[in-house]
Amino acid sequence: MTAEDPELELELEPDPGWYAVPEDEAEAAGWAEGLVRELAGPGAEDQAVLVTTESVLAHARAAYEAQVELAFVFLPQPLAPVVASCHVELVFGTAGDLPDLDDLARALAVQRPEHLSAPEVGRRLLVAGPAVRQHELREDDDGSVVERVSFVLELPRVDDALLRVTTTWRALALGDALVEQADRMAAALVVRVE
């Protein structure tokens, strides 16, 4: 997007247990420790707080590295690792030459070598607009199995970027519940273009 492009405002009010990663990376360490200490309570063991804080920070760092617009971590238990993460990001392309939703659906439906089964792909109407939804089970670079639900949508008056909402987790036993969480996260996203 250039200086002449419209201003984009993203807003997402997550379900309980989801926490927004601060936009400023310099605030991440203090935020993570403060969040974990607040959730754990005053009697929490320092080592347990440290381990959970490191999990939260690792997910925050991944969001900063990916340069996402919004990031959230799912921490339903105070002294346990992060269960899932959600990123809202702009995917840039050539102005006027981005794929439409039909092309995206076809591309996202292709089973790739890292997929453990064919991705489930469909269309959804979100508050933010029409979207293509992909649910996939894949092998990550480190060999672990990752489940992910992504929504990709076009932005009104923005011709050089698409918006992607991706929720990712490794807690496969919680898959069905986290798929519902991922769907609710995408459904809650509000996009304003001014």
C-alpha atoms as a PDB file:
ATOM      1  CA  MET A   1       0.000   0.000   0.000  1.00  0.00           C
ATOM      2  CA  THR A   2       1.278   3.470  -0.805  1.00  0.00           C
ATOM      3  CA  ALA A   3       0.674   6.877   0.762  1.00  0.00           C
ATOM      4  CA  GLU A   4      -2.323   7.323  -1.542  1.00  0.00           C
ATOM      5  CA  ASP A   5      -3.853   4.061  -0.410  1.00  0.00           C
ATOM      6  CA  PRO A   6      -6.742   4.009   2.025  1.00  0.00           C
ATOM      7  CA  GLU A   7      -6.049   3.732   5.750  1.00  0.00           C
ATOM      8  CA  LEU A   8      -6.712   0.246   7.111  1.00  0.00           C
ATOM      9  CA  GLU A   9      -7.998  -0.313  10.649  1.00  0.00           C
ATOM     10  CA  LEU A  10      -8.292  -3.819  12.086  1.00  0.00           C
ATOM     11  CA  GLU A  11     -10.148  -4.680  15.271  1.00  0.00           C
ATOM     12  CA  LEU A  12     -10.641  -8.062  16.909  1.00  0.00           C
ATOM     13  CA  GLU A  13     -12.213  -8.747  20.294  1.00  0.00           C
ATOM     14  CA  PRO A  14     -11.135 -12.318  21.112  1.00  0.00           C
ATOM     15  CA  ASP A  15     -12.822 -14.955  23.255  1.00  0.00           C
ATOM     16  CA  PRO A  16     -11.700 -15.402  26.875  1.00  0.00           C
ATOM     17  CA  GLY A  17      -8.283 -17.018  27.146  1.00  0.00           C
ATOM     18  CA  TRP A  18      -6.916 -15.172  24.096  1.00  0.00           C
ATOM     19  CA  TYR A  19      -4.511 -12.303  24.734  1.00  0.00           C
ATOM     20  CA  ALA A  20      -3.377  -9.643  22.273  1.00  0.00           C
ATOM     21  CA  VAL A  21       0.370  -9.423  21.744  1.00  0.00           C
ATOM     22  CA  PRO A  22       1.486  -5.775  22.045  1.00  0.00           C
ATOM     23  CA  GLU A  23       2.324  -4.050  18.775  1.00  0.00           C
ATOM     24  CA  ASP A  24       5.590  -2.689  20.180  1.00  0.00           C
ATOM     25  CA  GLU A  25       8.196  -5.443  20.421  1.00  0.00           C
ATOM     26  CA  ALA A  26      10.016  -3.510  23.161  1.00  0.00           C
ATOM     27  CA  GLU A  27       6.995  -4.104  25.435  1.00  0.00           C
ATOM     28  CA  ALA A  28       6.803  -7.870  24.837  1.00  0.00           C
ATOM     29  CA  ALA A  29       8.953  -9.176  27.702  1.00  0.00           C
ATOM     30  CA  GLY A  30       7.269  -7.043  30.356  1.00  0.00           C
ATOM     31  CA  TRP A  31       3.831  -7.783  28.921  1.00  0.00           C
ATOM     32  CA  ALA A  32       4.424 -11.553  28.837  1.00  0.00           C
ATOM     33  CA  GLU A  33       5.688 -11.742  32.409  1.00  0.00           C
ATOM     34  CA  GLY A  34       2.939  -9.430  33.667  1.00  0.00           C
ATOM     35  CA  LEU A  35       0.257 -11.471  31.901  1.00  0.00           C
ATOM     36  CA  VAL A  36       1.500 -14.782  33.279  1.00  0.00           C
ATOM     37  CA  ARG A  37       1.947 -13.426  36.819  1.00  0.00           C
ATOM     38  CA  GLU A  38      -1.541 -11.901  36.760  1.00  0.00           C
ATOM     39  CA  LEU A  39      -3.122 -15.143  35.526  1.00  0.00           C
ATOM     40  CA  ALA A  40      -1.121 -17.354  37.913  1.00  0.00           C
ATOM     41  CA  GLY A  41      -1.734 -15.290  41.029  1.00  0.00           C
ATOM     42  CA  PRO A  42       0.620 -14.156  43.797  1.00  0.00           C
ATOM     43  CA  GLY A  43       1.507 -17.636  45.093  1.00  0.00           C
ATOM     44  CA  ALA A  44       2.784 -18.966  41.777  1.00  0.00           C
ATOM     45  CA  GLU A  45       6.181 -20.633  41.701  1.00  0.00           C
ATOM     46  CA  ASP A  46       8.780 -18.472  39.928  1.00  0.00           C
ATOM     47  CA  GLN A  47      10.080 -21.335  37.754  1.00  0.00           C
ATOM     48  CA  ALA A  48       6.573 -22.142  36.483  1.00  0.00           C
ATOM     49  CA  VAL A  49       6.001 -18.446  35.715  1.00  0.00           C
ATOM     50  CA  LEU A  50       9.315 -18.312  33.848  1.00  0.00           C
ATOM     51  CA  VAL A  51       8.524 -21.383  31.708  1.00  0.00           C
ATOM     52  CA  THR A  52       5.094 -20.049  30.720  1.00  0.00           C
ATOM     53  CA  THR A  53       6.491 -16.562  30.113  1.00  0.00           C
ATOM     54  CA  GLU A  54       9.064 -18.036  27.715  1.00  0.00           C
ATOM     55  CA  SER A  55       6.277 -19.836  25.822  1.00  0.00           C
ATOM     56  CA  VAL A  56       4.294 -16.603  25.499  1.00  0.00           C
ATOM     57  CA  LEU A  57       7.416 -14.692  24.428  1.00  0.00           C
ATOM     58  CA  ALA A  58       8.333 -17.297  21.796  1.00  0.00           C
ATOM     59  CA  HIS A  59       4.926 -16.850  20.173  1.00  0.00           C
ATOM     60  CA  ALA A  60       5.193 -13.057  20.399  1.00  0.00           C
ATOM     61  CA  ARG A  61       8.629 -13.143  18.761  1.00  0.00           C
ATOM     62  CA  ALA A  62       7.280 -15.305  15.933  1.00  0.00           C
ATOM     63  CA  ALA A  63       4.559 -12.703  15.339  1.00  0.00           C
ATOM     64  CA  TYR A  64       7.084  -9.859  15.253  1.00  0.00           C
ATOM     65  CA  GLU A  65       9.319 -11.800  12.885  1.00  0.00           C
ATOM     66  CA  ALA A  66       6.360 -12.436  10.577  1.00  0.00           C
ATOM     67  CA  GLN A  67       5.458  -8.714  10.730  1.00  0.00           C
ATOM     68  CA  VAL A  68       1.775  -9.402  11.305  1.00  0.00           C
ATOM     69  CA  GLU A  69      -0.789  -6.678  11.887  1.00  0.00           C
ATOM     70  CA  LEU A  70      -2.376  -8.316  14.947  1.00  0.00           C
ATOM     71  CA  ALA A  71      -1.299 -11.323  17.009  1.00  0.00           C
ATOM     72  CA  PHE A  72      -2.950 -13.266  19.820  1.00  0.00           C
ATOM     73  CA  VAL A  73      -1.934 -16.158  22.047  1.00  0.00           C
ATOM     74  CA  PHE A  74      -4.360 -18.658  23.585  1.00  0.00           C
ATOM     75  CA  LEU A  75      -3.463 -19.349  27.190  1.00  0.00           C
ATOM     76  CA  PRO A  76      -6.476 -21.050  28.797  1.00  0.00           C
ATOM     77  CA  GLN A  77      -4.431 -22.241  31.812  1.00  0.00           C
ATOM     78  CA  PRO A  78      -2.155 -19.813  33.636  1.00  0.00           C
ATOM     79  CA  LEU A  79       0.933 -22.001  34.088  1.00  0.00           C
ATOM     80  CA  ALA A  80       0.981 -24.017  30.894  1.00  0.00           C
ATOM     81  CA  PRO A  81       2.469 -23.387  27.458  1.00  0.00           C
ATOM     82  CA  VAL A  82       0.581 -21.367  24.861  1.00  0.00           C
ATOM     83  CA  VAL A  83      -1.990 -23.671  23.236  1.00  0.00           C
ATOM     84  CA  ALA A  84      -2.573 -21.741  19.997  1.00  0.00           C
ATOM     85  CA  SER A  85      -1.746 -18.502  18.244  1.00  0.00           C
ATOM     86  CA  CYS A  86      -3.654 -16.309  15.828  1.00  0.00           C
ATOM     87  CA  HIS A  87      -2.100 -13.904  13.320  1.00  0.00           C
ATOM     88  CA  VAL A  88      -3.856 -11.302  11.201  1.00  0.00           C
ATOM     89  CA  GLU A  89      -1.595 -10.245   8.355  1.00  0.00           C
ATOM     90  CA  LEU A  90      -1.523  -8.472   5.038  1.00  0.00           C
ATOM     91  CA  VAL A  91      -0.335 -10.544   2.104  1.00  0.00           C
ATOM     92  CA  PHE A  92       1.015  -8.186  -0.530  1.00  0.00           C
ATOM     93  CA  GLY A  93       1.075  -8.731  -4.260  1.00  0.00           C
ATOM     94  CA  THR A  94       1.134  -6.803  -7.504  1.00  0.00           C
ATOM     95  CA  ALA A  95      -1.510  -4.073  -7.564  1.00  0.00           C
ATOM     96  CA  GLY A  96      -4.438  -5.115  -9.703  1.00  0.00           C
ATOM     97  CA  ASP A  97      -3.062  -8.636 -10.202  1.00  0.00           C
ATOM     98  CA  LEU A  98      -4.116 -10.420  -7.014  1.00  0.00           C
ATOM     99  CA  PRO A  99      -6.006 -13.704  -7.259  1.00  0.00           C
ATOM    100  CA  ASP A 100      -9.746 -13.539  -6.716  1.00  0.00           C
ATOM    101  CA  LEU A 101     -11.475 -15.727  -4.127  1.00  0.00           C
ATOM    102  CA  ASP A 102     -12.214 -18.490  -6.650  1.00  0.00           C
ATOM    103  CA  ASP A 103      -8.533 -18.667  -7.633  1.00  0.00           C
ATOM    104  CA  LEU A 104      -7.543 -18.658  -3.964  1.00  0.00           C
ATOM    105  CA  ALA A 105      -9.939 -21.500  -3.189  1.00  0.00           C
ATOM    106  CA  ARG A 106      -8.469 -23.608  -5.988  1.00  0.00           C
ATOM    107  CA  ALA A 107      -4.890 -22.870  -4.890  1.00  0.00           C
ATOM    108  CA  LEU A 108      -5.589 -23.584  -1.212  1.00  0.00           C
ATOM    109  CA  ALA A 109      -7.305 -26.892  -2.041  1.00  0.00           C
ATOM    110  CA  VAL A 110      -4.154 -28.367  -3.586  1.00  0.00           C
ATOM    111  CA  GLN A 111      -2.631 -31.067  -1.397  1.00  0.00           C
ATOM    112  CA  ARG A 112       1.051 -30.328  -0.898  1.00  0.00           C
ATOM    113  CA  PRO A 113       3.807 -32.706   0.296  1.00  0.00           C
ATOM    114  CA  GLU A 114       3.696 -31.264   3.833  1.00  0.00           C
ATOM    115  CA  HIS A 115      -0.061 -31.918   4.143  1.00  0.00           C
ATOM    116  CA  LEU A 116      -1.023 -35.077   6.017  1.00  0.00           C
ATOM    117  CA  SER A 117      -4.402 -35.084   4.271  1.00  0.00           C
ATOM    118  CA  ALA A 118      -6.182 -32.968   1.687  1.00  0.00           C
ATOM    119  CA  PRO A 119      -6.971 -29.497   3.061  1.00  0.00           C
ATOM    120  CA  GLU A 120     -10.622 -28.676   3.643  1.00  0.00           C
ATOM    121  CA  VAL A 121     -11.440 -25.532   1.673  1.00  0.00           C
ATOM    122  CA  GLY A 122     -14.686 -23.577   1.514  1.00  0.00           C
ATOM    123  CA  ARG A 123     -16.195 -20.122   1.375  1.00  0.00           C
ATOM    124  CA  ARG A 124     -17.430 -18.161   4.394  1.00  0.00           C
ATOM    125  CA  LEU A 125     -19.055 -14.792   4.814  1.00  0.00           C
ATOM    126  CA  LEU A 126     -17.382 -12.937   7.679  1.00  0.00           C
ATOM    127  CA  VAL A 127     -18.147  -9.550   9.198  1.00  0.00           C
ATOM    128  CA  ALA A 128     -14.969  -8.404   7.420  1.00  0.00           C
ATOM    129  CA  GLY A 129     -16.251  -9.711   4.063  1.00  0.00           C
ATOM    130  CA  PRO A 130     -16.362 -12.848   1.908  1.00  0.00           C
ATOM    131  CA  ALA A 131     -13.462 -15.206   2.601  1.00  0.00           C
ATOM    132  CA  VAL A 132     -11.898 -18.488   1.596  1.00  0.00           C
ATOM    133  CA  ARG A 133     -11.352 -20.820   4.563  1.00  0.00           C
ATOM    134  CA  GLN A 134      -8.686 -23.528   4.636  1.00  0.00           C
ATOM    135  CA  HIS A 135      -8.377 -26.149   7.388  1.00  0.00           C
ATOM    136  CA  GLU A 136      -5.167 -28.141   7.159  1.00  0.00           C
ATOM    137  CA  LEU A 137      -3.141 -30.710   9.039  1.00  0.00           C
ATOM    138  CA  ARG A 138       0.522 -30.532   8.091  1.00  0.00           C
ATOM    139  CA  GLU A 139       4.009 -31.510   9.108  1.00  0.00           C
ATOM    140  CA  ASP A 140       6.037 -28.525  10.255  1.00  0.00           C
ATOM    141  CA  ASP A 141       9.708 -27.918   9.428  1.00  0.00           C
ATOM    142  CA  ASP A 142      10.766 -29.583  12.691  1.00  0.00           C
ATOM    143  CA  GLY A 143       8.685 -32.706  11.974  1.00  0.00           C
ATOM    144  CA  SER A 144       5.878 -31.908  14.423  1.00  0.00           C
ATOM    145  CA  VAL A 145       2.245 -32.011  13.351  1.00  0.00           C
ATOM    146  CA  VAL A 146       0.468 -28.661  13.140  1.00  0.00           C
ATOM    147  CA  GLU A 147      -3.221 -27.958  12.641  1.00  0.00           C
ATOM    148  CA  ARG A 148      -4.178 -24.638  11.117  1.00  0.00           C
ATOM    149  CA  VAL A 149      -7.277 -22.757  10.014  1.00  0.00           C
ATOM    150  CA  SER A 150      -6.751 -19.800   7.678  1.00  0.00           C
ATOM    151  CA  PHE A 151      -9.175 -17.307   6.214  1.00  0.00           C
ATOM    152  CA  VAL A 152      -8.150 -15.141   3.261  1.00  0.00           C
ATOM    153  CA  LEU A 153     -10.255 -12.185   2.185  1.00  0.00           C
ATOM    154  CA  GLU A 154     -10.131  -9.303  -0.227  1.00  0.00           C
ATOM    155  CA  LEU A 155     -10.009  -5.789   1.160  1.00  0.00           C
ATOM    156  CA  PRO A 156     -12.299  -3.121  -0.262  1.00  0.00           C
ATOM    157  CA  ARG A 157     -10.397  -0.346  -2.086  1.00  0.00           C
ATOM    158  CA  VAL A 158      -7.047  -2.128  -1.543  1.00  0.00           C
ATOM    159  CA  ASP A 159      -5.693  -3.564  -4.784  1.00  0.00           C
ATOM    160  CA  ASP A 160      -2.239  -4.749  -3.679  1.00  0.00           C
ATOM    161  CA  ALA A 161      -2.960  -6.865  -0.595  1.00  0.00           C
ATOM    162  CA  LEU A 162      -5.184  -9.595   0.765  1.00  0.00           C
ATOM    163  CA  LEU A 163      -5.902 -10.145   4.444  1.00  0.00           C
ATOM    164  CA  ARG A 164      -5.165 -13.504   6.082  1.00  0.00           C
ATOM    165  CA  VAL A 165      -6.312 -14.660   9.527  1.00  0.00           C
ATOM    166  CA  THR A 166      -4.460 -17.801  10.625  1.00  0.00           C
ATOM    167  CA  THR A 167      -4.920 -19.762  13.834  1.00  0.00           C
ATOM    168  CA  THR A 168      -2.311 -22.458  14.472  1.00  0.00           C
ATOM    169  CA  TRP A 169      -1.856 -25.134  17.142  1.00  0.00           C
ATOM    170  CA  ARG A 170      -0.048 -28.366  17.945  1.00  0.00           C
ATOM    171  CA  ALA A 171      -2.503 -29.605  20.608  1.00  0.00           C
ATOM    172  CA  LEU A 172      -4.217 -32.017  18.226  1.00  0.00           C
ATOM    173  CA  ALA A 173      -6.403 -33.506  20.966  1.00  0.00           C
ATOM    174  CA  LEU A 174      -8.093 -30.093  21.194  1.00  0.00           C
ATOM    175  CA  GLY A 175      -8.540 -29.885  17.421  1.00  0.00           C
ATOM    176  CA  ASP A 176     -12.336 -29.626  17.208  1.00  0.00           C
ATOM    177  CA  ALA A 177     -12.557 -27.022  19.967  1.00  0.00           C
ATOM    178  CA  LEU A 178      -9.705 -25.010  18.462  1.00  0.00           C
ATOM    179  CA  VAL A 179     -11.269 -25.140  14.988  1.00  0.00           C
ATOM    180  CA  GLU A 180     -14.352 -23.522  16.543  1.00  0.00           C
ATOM    181  CA  GLN A 181     -12.120 -20.946  18.261  1.00  0.00           C
ATOM    182  CA  ALA A 182     -10.373 -20.203  14.947  1.00  0.00           C
ATOM    183  CA  ASP A 183     -13.715 -19.720  13.215  1.00  0.00           C
ATOM    184  CA  ARG A 184     -14.887 -17.361  15.973  1.00  0.00           C
ATOM    185  CA  MET A 185     -11.639 -15.361  15.814  1.00  0.00           C
ATOM    186  CA  ALA A 186     -12.074 -14.798  12.072  1.00  0.00           C
ATOM    187  CA  ALA A 187     -15.773 -14.034  12.498  1.00  0.00           C
ATOM    188  CA  ALA A 188     -14.970 -11.372  15.119  1.00  0.00           C
ATOM    189  CA  LEU A 189     -12.531  -9.462  12.904  1.00  0.00           C
ATOM    190  CA  VAL A 190     -13.735  -6.002  11.918  1.00  0.00           C
ATOM    191  CA  VAL A 191     -12.006  -4.249   9.003  1.00  0.00           C
ATOM    192  CA  ARG A 192     -12.407  -0.548   8.294  1.00  0.00           C
ATOM    193  CA  VAL A 193     -10.926   1.025   5.189  1.00  0.00           C
ATOM    194  CA  GLU A 194     -10.927   4.834   5.157  1.00  0.00           C
END
